């Protein structure tokens, strides 16, 4: 039984893959009460019918999106809504005093012009100004004081954490970085799309967004902040025949010759106090992180380059798990509560 002062949380966009993962984590968290769920009208109904795994575990109806109604029922809201949709609901939640963790890209980029270029809409500049980028390993103190958290993208999480130690120390050429990443199909969302149908995806592996992907400016902006210098990279995403997971292979050119021992020590020192970052000696697999909030990073010095292999679960550390990590910081819980 929940205590009277238990924080109440709600979810807008409650019928997607990331929201389902969020519900799984929150139900085992034990420190919050889920009080409201919202979705498009055609997706509404008893949660146990929409997701049978929750039948008997959470007796709530998913109701049509209504920011005001949800704000009245919760102290903290997760917006698991698509890009260019979240910003229509977030201002009302904040005005009602509801702390908000947004899964979309609507508050991730600090330069407003980038939204028009990559997402074809003008941003909510008033709230963008005080949004905090929700990567706890880098911005923990800011997150604790925030009212609006921009939960990072899944690809950027794997890449930014993979490169942060090198960029922070100025050890690599900031204009000469190549990133190849592969994601499971859940990263494309739950809507029906031709390229994620079983017969299209199974036993196939394909590149997409070859002329530019909208997560690239997010990576460049955050890495530039970490490195205190303009960082540019070439990012190429791929769709892999699996449900979940991301493996990023990052190629960086060092400013001067490096040994593998020195690079591994740098990474271990940089992340020595981070519970969800594992610096490993062997290349990680997406199976090593499936269903967890961990990122496994393996830096290798090879043929004059530094190659970083970074694996996460796109639905957990790349979305819902990271959101709960942020929630824990906001509400004063142990940062790992519900995630171990």
Protein backbone atom coordinates (compact mmCIF):
# COMPACT_ATOMS: atom_id res chain seq x y z
CA UNK A 1 0.00 0.00 0.00
CA UNK A 2 1.32 3.42 -1.00
CA UNK A 3 1.93 6.10 1.63
CA UNK A 4 -0.06 9.34 1.50
CA UNK A 5 2.97 11.36 0.41
CA UNK A 6 4.06 8.91 -2.32
CA UNK A 7 4.90 10.82 -5.53
CA UNK A 8 2.27 10.37 -8.23
CA UNK A 9 3.41 9.86 -11.82
CA UNK A 10 1.60 9.90 -15.14
CA UNK A 11 2.50 8.95 -18.71
CA UNK A 12 1.42 10.64 -21.93
CA UNK A 13 1.94 8.38 -24.93
CA UNK A 14 1.33 5.32 -22.79
CA UNK A 15 0.84 2.76 -25.57
CA UNK A 16 4.31 2.77 -27.17
CA UNK A 17 7.23 0.41 -26.62
CA UNK A 18 9.16 2.90 -24.47
CA UNK A 19 6.08 3.52 -22.31
CA UNK A 20 5.56 -0.22 -21.80
CA UNK A 21 9.18 -0.54 -20.69
CA UNK A 22 8.65 2.44 -18.38
CA UNK A 23 5.61 0.77 -16.81
CA UNK A 24 7.58 -2.42 -16.17
CA UNK A 25 10.28 -0.46 -14.34
CA UNK A 26 7.88 1.74 -12.36
CA UNK A 27 5.89 -1.27 -11.17
CA UNK A 28 8.98 -2.79 -9.59
CA UNK A 29 10.28 0.57 -8.35
CA UNK A 30 7.93 0.65 -5.37
CA UNK A 31 8.44 4.32 -4.54
CA UNK A 32 5.91 6.00 -6.83
CA UNK A 33 2.25 5.57 -7.69
CA UNK A 34 1.15 5.44 -11.34
CA UNK A 35 -2.03 7.52 -11.40
CA UNK A 36 -2.71 8.54 -15.04
CA UNK A 37 -2.11 7.21 -18.54
CA UNK A 38 -2.85 9.03 -21.80
CA UNK A 39 -2.86 8.12 -25.50
CA UNK A 40 -4.58 8.87 -28.79
CA UNK A 41 -8.35 8.20 -28.63
CA UNK A 42 -8.14 5.13 -30.89
CA UNK A 43 -5.49 3.61 -28.60
CA UNK A 44 -7.39 4.01 -25.32
CA UNK A 45 -9.02 1.45 -23.05
CA UNK A 46 -8.13 -0.73 -20.06
CA UNK A 47 -4.35 -1.07 -19.79
CA UNK A 48 -4.66 -4.83 -19.23
CA UNK A 49 -6.33 -5.23 -22.63
CA UNK A 50 -3.86 -3.03 -24.46
CA UNK A 51 -0.90 -4.77 -22.79
CA UNK A 52 -2.04 -8.12 -21.34
CA UNK A 53 1.17 -8.42 -19.30
CA UNK A 54 -0.15 -5.66 -17.01
CA UNK A 55 -3.54 -7.27 -16.35
CA UNK A 56 -3.98 -7.67 -12.62
CA UNK A 57 -0.89 -5.57 -11.95
CA UNK A 58 -2.14 -2.06 -12.75
CA UNK A 59 -5.86 -1.37 -12.84
CA UNK A 60 -5.94 1.82 -14.91
CA UNK A 61 -7.59 2.95 -18.10
CA UNK A 62 -5.58 4.65 -20.81
CA UNK A 63 -7.54 7.83 -21.52
CA UNK A 64 -7.40 10.34 -24.40
CA UNK A 65 -4.50 12.77 -24.15
CA UNK A 66 -5.45 15.64 -21.87
CA UNK A 67 -2.57 17.53 -20.31
CA UNK A 68 -4.75 19.37 -17.80
CA UNK A 69 -6.44 16.20 -16.56
CA UNK A 70 -3.11 14.40 -16.22
CA UNK A 71 -1.54 17.38 -14.44
CA UNK A 72 -4.27 17.27 -11.81
CA UNK A 73 -3.49 13.62 -11.05
CA UNK A 74 0.30 13.59 -10.83
CA UNK A 75 3.39 15.30 -9.45
CA UNK A 76 5.68 14.16 -12.25
CA UNK A 77 4.84 13.39 -15.86
CA UNK A 78 6.65 11.32 -18.47
CA UNK A 79 5.95 12.49 -22.02
CA UNK A 80 6.55 9.47 -24.23
CA UNK A 81 5.12 11.31 -27.22
CA UNK A 82 6.60 11.70 -30.72
CA UNK A 83 8.85 14.56 -31.77
CA UNK A 84 6.92 17.75 -32.54
CA UNK A 85 4.01 16.57 -30.36
CA UNK A 86 5.44 16.75 -26.83
CA UNK A 87 5.96 20.50 -26.97
CA UNK A 88 2.19 20.98 -27.29
CA UNK A 89 1.65 19.40 -23.85
CA UNK A 90 4.79 20.21 -21.84
CA UNK A 91 4.09 23.95 -21.24
CA UNK A 92 0.74 23.17 -19.60
CA UNK A 93 2.28 20.52 -17.36
CA UNK A 94 5.04 22.87 -16.24
CA UNK A 95 2.56 25.71 -15.66
CA UNK A 96 0.62 23.37 -13.36
CA UNK A 97 3.76 22.69 -11.34
CA UNK A 98 4.31 19.17 -12.68
CA UNK A 99 7.94 18.14 -13.15
CA UNK A 100 8.31 16.68 -16.63
CA UNK A 101 10.62 14.17 -18.29
CA UNK A 102 10.25 14.35 -22.06
CA UNK A 103 11.24 11.40 -24.26
CA UNK A 104 11.07 13.34 -27.52
CA UNK A 105 13.71 15.60 -29.07
CA UNK A 106 11.58 18.72 -28.51
CA UNK A 107 13.79 20.05 -25.70
CA UNK A 108 17.17 18.45 -26.42
CA UNK A 109 18.75 21.02 -28.73
CA UNK A 110 19.76 24.41 -27.39
CA UNK A 111 20.06 26.11 -30.77
CA UNK A 112 16.48 26.84 -31.92
CA UNK A 113 17.34 26.92 -35.64
CA UNK A 114 18.24 23.24 -35.51
CA UNK A 115 14.62 22.28 -34.81
CA UNK A 116 13.36 23.85 -38.01
CA UNK A 117 16.10 22.11 -39.99
CA UNK A 118 15.83 18.61 -38.50
CA UNK A 119 12.27 18.43 -37.08
CA UNK A 120 10.44 21.00 -39.22
CA UNK A 121 8.90 22.97 -36.36
CA UNK A 122 9.69 25.93 -34.17
CA UNK A 123 10.64 25.00 -30.59
CA UNK A 124 9.03 26.05 -27.32
CA UNK A 125 11.85 28.53 -26.72
CA UNK A 126 10.59 29.74 -23.33
CA UNK A 127 10.87 26.29 -21.77
CA UNK A 128 13.80 25.16 -23.91
CA UNK A 129 15.92 27.76 -22.13
CA UNK A 130 15.71 25.92 -18.79
CA UNK A 131 15.44 22.31 -20.01
CA UNK A 132 18.25 20.08 -18.71
CA UNK A 133 19.76 17.38 -20.90
CA UNK A 134 19.09 14.18 -18.97
CA UNK A 135 22.35 12.26 -19.16
CA UNK A 136 23.01 11.57 -15.45
CA UNK A 137 26.62 10.50 -15.90
CA UNK A 138 27.44 14.00 -17.13
CA UNK A 139 24.80 16.36 -15.71
CA UNK A 140 23.69 14.82 -12.43
CA UNK A 141 23.74 18.01 -10.34
CA UNK A 142 21.73 19.98 -12.92
CA UNK A 143 19.16 17.19 -13.19
CA UNK A 144 18.50 17.23 -9.44
CA UNK A 145 17.43 20.89 -9.65
CA UNK A 146 15.44 20.66 -12.89
CA UNK A 147 11.73 20.96 -13.60
CA UNK A 148 12.03 19.86 -17.24
CA UNK A 149 14.38 17.09 -18.37
CA UNK A 150 15.07 16.32 -22.02
CA UNK A 151 15.62 12.57 -21.94
CA UNK A 152 18.44 11.85 -24.44
CA UNK A 153 17.99 9.94 -27.66
CA UNK A 154 19.00 6.29 -27.77
CA UNK A 155 21.72 6.63 -30.41
CA UNK A 156 23.15 9.78 -28.73
CA UNK A 157 23.31 8.02 -25.35
CA UNK A 158 25.52 5.27 -26.75
CA UNK A 159 27.71 7.70 -28.70
CA UNK A 160 28.08 10.54 -26.19
CA UNK A 161 29.02 8.18 -23.34
CA UNK A 162 31.32 6.34 -25.72
CA UNK A 163 33.23 9.50 -26.67
CA UNK A 164 32.98 11.69 -23.54
CA UNK A 165 36.31 10.71 -21.91
CA UNK A 166 38.31 11.34 -25.07
CA UNK A 167 36.53 14.58 -25.96
CA UNK A 168 36.77 15.89 -22.39
CA UNK A 169 40.57 15.45 -22.43
CA UNK A 170 41.01 16.78 -25.96
CA UNK A 171 42.70 13.57 -27.10
CA UNK A 172 41.00 13.18 -30.48
CA UNK A 173 40.50 15.33 -33.56
CA UNK A 174 37.06 16.92 -33.00
CA UNK A 175 36.29 17.18 -36.71
CA UNK A 176 37.28 13.62 -37.61
CA UNK A 177 34.87 11.18 -35.98
CA UNK A 178 32.87 8.45 -37.73
CA UNK A 179 30.01 6.61 -36.04
CA UNK A 180 28.28 3.48 -37.31
CA UNK A 181 25.34 2.41 -35.15
CA UNK A 182 22.85 -0.44 -35.43
CA UNK A 183 19.49 -0.49 -33.66
CA UNK A 184 16.77 -3.01 -33.06
CA UNK A 185 13.36 -2.44 -34.65
CA UNK A 186 11.73 -1.16 -31.44
CA UNK A 187 13.71 2.04 -31.95
CA UNK A 188 11.36 2.87 -34.82
CA UNK A 189 8.34 2.83 -32.52
CA UNK A 190 5.18 0.76 -32.48
CA UNK A 191 3.46 2.26 -35.53
CA UNK A 192 3.24 -0.02 -38.57
CA UNK A 193 6.02 0.74 -41.07
CA UNK A 194 7.03 -1.25 -44.12
CA UNK A 195 10.71 -1.60 -43.22
CA UNK A 196 9.94 -2.99 -39.75
CA UNK A 197 7.46 -5.64 -40.87
CA UNK A 198 8.74 -9.12 -40.04
CA UNK A 199 9.28 -10.25 -43.62
CA UNK A 200 11.17 -7.05 -44.46
CA UNK A 201 13.36 -7.02 -41.35
CA UNK A 202 14.04 -10.67 -40.63
CA UNK A 203 17.42 -11.89 -41.91
CA UNK A 204 18.22 -8.43 -43.23
CA UNK A 205 20.54 -5.59 -42.23
CA UNK A 206 20.21 -2.15 -43.80
CA UNK A 207 21.42 1.43 -43.58
CA UNK A 208 19.04 4.36 -43.52
CA UNK A 209 19.18 8.17 -43.31
CA UNK A 210 22.38 8.10 -45.37
CA UNK A 211 22.25 11.84 -46.11
CA UNK A 212 21.87 12.80 -42.45
CA UNK A 213 20.06 11.67 -39.32
CA UNK A 214 18.33 14.02 -36.88
CA UNK A 215 20.21 12.60 -33.88
CA UNK A 216 23.51 13.88 -35.29
CA UNK A 217 23.11 17.53 -34.14
CA UNK A 218 22.20 16.29 -30.66
CA UNK A 219 25.45 14.34 -30.46
CA UNK A 220 27.52 17.20 -31.85
CA UNK A 221 25.99 19.78 -29.52
CA UNK A 222 26.57 17.72 -26.37
CA UNK A 223 30.07 16.59 -27.36
CA UNK A 224 31.00 20.20 -28.16
CA UNK A 225 29.82 21.18 -24.68
CA UNK A 226 31.88 18.41 -23.06
CA UNK A 227 34.99 19.13 -25.11
CA UNK A 228 34.68 22.94 -25.05
CA UNK A 229 35.38 22.91 -28.79
CA UNK A 230 33.25 22.45 -31.91
CA UNK A 231 32.80 18.73 -32.55
CA UNK A 232 31.52 17.36 -35.85
CA UNK A 233 30.99 13.75 -36.83
CA UNK A 234 29.61 11.54 -39.56
CA UNK A 235 26.79 9.38 -38.21
CA UNK A 236 25.40 6.39 -40.10
CA UNK A 237 22.53 4.42 -38.51
CA UNK A 238 21.51 0.88 -39.44
CA UNK A 239 18.47 -1.27 -38.78
CA UNK A 240 19.33 -4.71 -37.40
CA UNK A 241 17.06 -7.79 -37.33
CA UNK A 242 16.47 -7.77 -33.57
CA UNK A 243 13.81 -6.40 -31.23
CA UNK A 244 15.98 -4.19 -29.05
CA UNK A 245 19.51 -2.97 -28.49
CA UNK A 246 22.04 -0.57 -29.99
CA UNK A 247 25.66 -1.23 -30.85
CA UNK A 248 27.69 1.81 -31.86
CA UNK A 249 31.12 1.49 -33.43
CA UNK A 250 32.94 4.81 -33.18
CA UNK A 251 36.16 5.66 -35.03
CA UNK A 252 38.27 8.55 -33.73
CA UNK A 253 41.68 9.85 -34.79
CA UNK A 254 43.97 10.74 -31.85
CA UNK A 255 45.83 14.02 -31.61
CA UNK A 256 48.94 12.05 -30.72
CA UNK A 257 49.83 8.38 -30.44
CA UNK A 258 48.02 6.54 -27.65
CA UNK A 259 48.48 3.14 -26.06
CA UNK A 260 45.57 0.86 -25.33
CA UNK A 261 46.56 0.73 -21.67
CA UNK A 262 46.43 4.52 -21.35
CA UNK A 263 43.06 4.77 -23.11
CA UNK A 264 41.49 2.00 -21.02
CA UNK A 265 42.77 3.70 -17.84
CA UNK A 266 41.28 7.01 -18.97
CA UNK A 267 37.87 5.39 -19.42
CA UNK A 268 37.98 3.52 -16.12
CA UNK A 269 38.99 6.66 -14.25
CA UNK A 270 36.34 8.76 -15.97
CA UNK A 271 33.53 6.32 -15.15
CA UNK A 272 34.86 4.88 -11.89
CA UNK A 273 31.87 6.11 -9.85
CA UNK A 274 29.19 5.33 -12.43
CA UNK A 275 26.96 2.39 -11.55
CA UNK A 276 25.57 1.92 -15.04
CA UNK A 277 28.76 2.24 -17.10
CA UNK A 278 30.94 -0.82 -17.53
CA UNK A 279 34.31 -0.39 -19.25
CA UNK A 280 35.13 -3.84 -20.61
CA UNK A 281 38.12 -5.52 -22.22
CA UNK A 282 36.15 -7.49 -24.80
CA UNK A 283 33.76 -6.15 -27.45
CA UNK A 284 30.22 -5.92 -26.04
CA UNK A 285 27.13 -7.51 -27.52
CA UNK A 286 23.61 -6.10 -27.37
CA UNK A 287 22.69 -9.29 -25.52
CA UNK A 288 25.00 -8.25 -22.69
CA UNK A 289 22.79 -5.23 -21.93
CA UNK A 290 19.33 -6.45 -23.00
CA UNK A 291 16.67 -5.36 -20.53
CA UNK A 292 19.16 -3.41 -18.39
CA UNK A 293 20.10 0.22 -17.81
CA UNK A 294 23.79 -0.47 -18.41
CA UNK A 295 26.10 0.77 -21.12
CA UNK A 296 29.09 -1.43 -21.89
CA UNK A 297 32.02 0.37 -23.49
CA UNK A 298 35.15 -1.18 -24.98
CA UNK A 299 37.84 1.27 -26.23
CA UNK A 300 40.50 -0.21 -28.51
CA UNK A 301 43.61 1.34 -30.08
CA UNK A 302 44.04 -0.10 -33.57
CA UNK A 303 45.85 0.96 -36.75
CA UNK A 304 46.44 4.50 -35.60
CA UNK A 305 42.82 5.04 -34.53
CA UNK A 306 40.84 4.72 -31.33
CA UNK A 307 37.82 2.50 -31.87
CA UNK A 308 35.08 2.62 -29.24
CA UNK A 309 32.38 -0.05 -29.08
CA UNK A 310 29.35 1.00 -27.06
CA UNK A 311 26.28 -1.17 -26.38
CA UNK A 312 22.99 -0.21 -24.73
CA UNK A 313 19.40 -1.37 -24.67
CA UNK A 314 17.55 1.30 -26.66
CA UNK A 315 14.35 0.90 -24.63
CA UNK A 316 16.06 1.00 -21.23
CA UNK A 317 19.24 3.10 -21.03
CA UNK A 318 18.19 4.63 -24.35
CA UNK A 319 14.71 5.62 -23.12
CA UNK A 320 12.69 4.37 -20.13
CA UNK A 321 15.51 3.28 -17.82
CA UNK A 322 17.33 6.56 -18.26
CA UNK A 323 14.05 8.39 -17.62
CA UNK A 324 13.64 6.55 -14.31
CA UNK A 325 17.29 7.26 -13.46
CA UNK A 326 16.42 10.94 -13.99
CA UNK A 327 13.22 10.61 -11.97
CA UNK A 328 15.16 9.11 -9.08
CA UNK A 329 17.49 12.10 -9.06
CA UNK A 330 14.58 14.55 -9.24
CA UNK A 331 12.60 12.92 -6.43
CA UNK A 332 15.49 12.12 -4.11
CA UNK A 333 15.52 8.33 -4.49
CA UNK A 334 18.64 6.24 -4.82
CA UNK A 335 19.64 6.75 -8.46
CA UNK A 336 19.53 3.03 -9.23
CA UNK A 337 16.16 2.31 -7.60
CA UNK A 338 14.05 0.09 -9.83
CA UNK A 339 16.91 -0.37 -12.29
CA UNK A 340 19.03 -3.15 -10.76
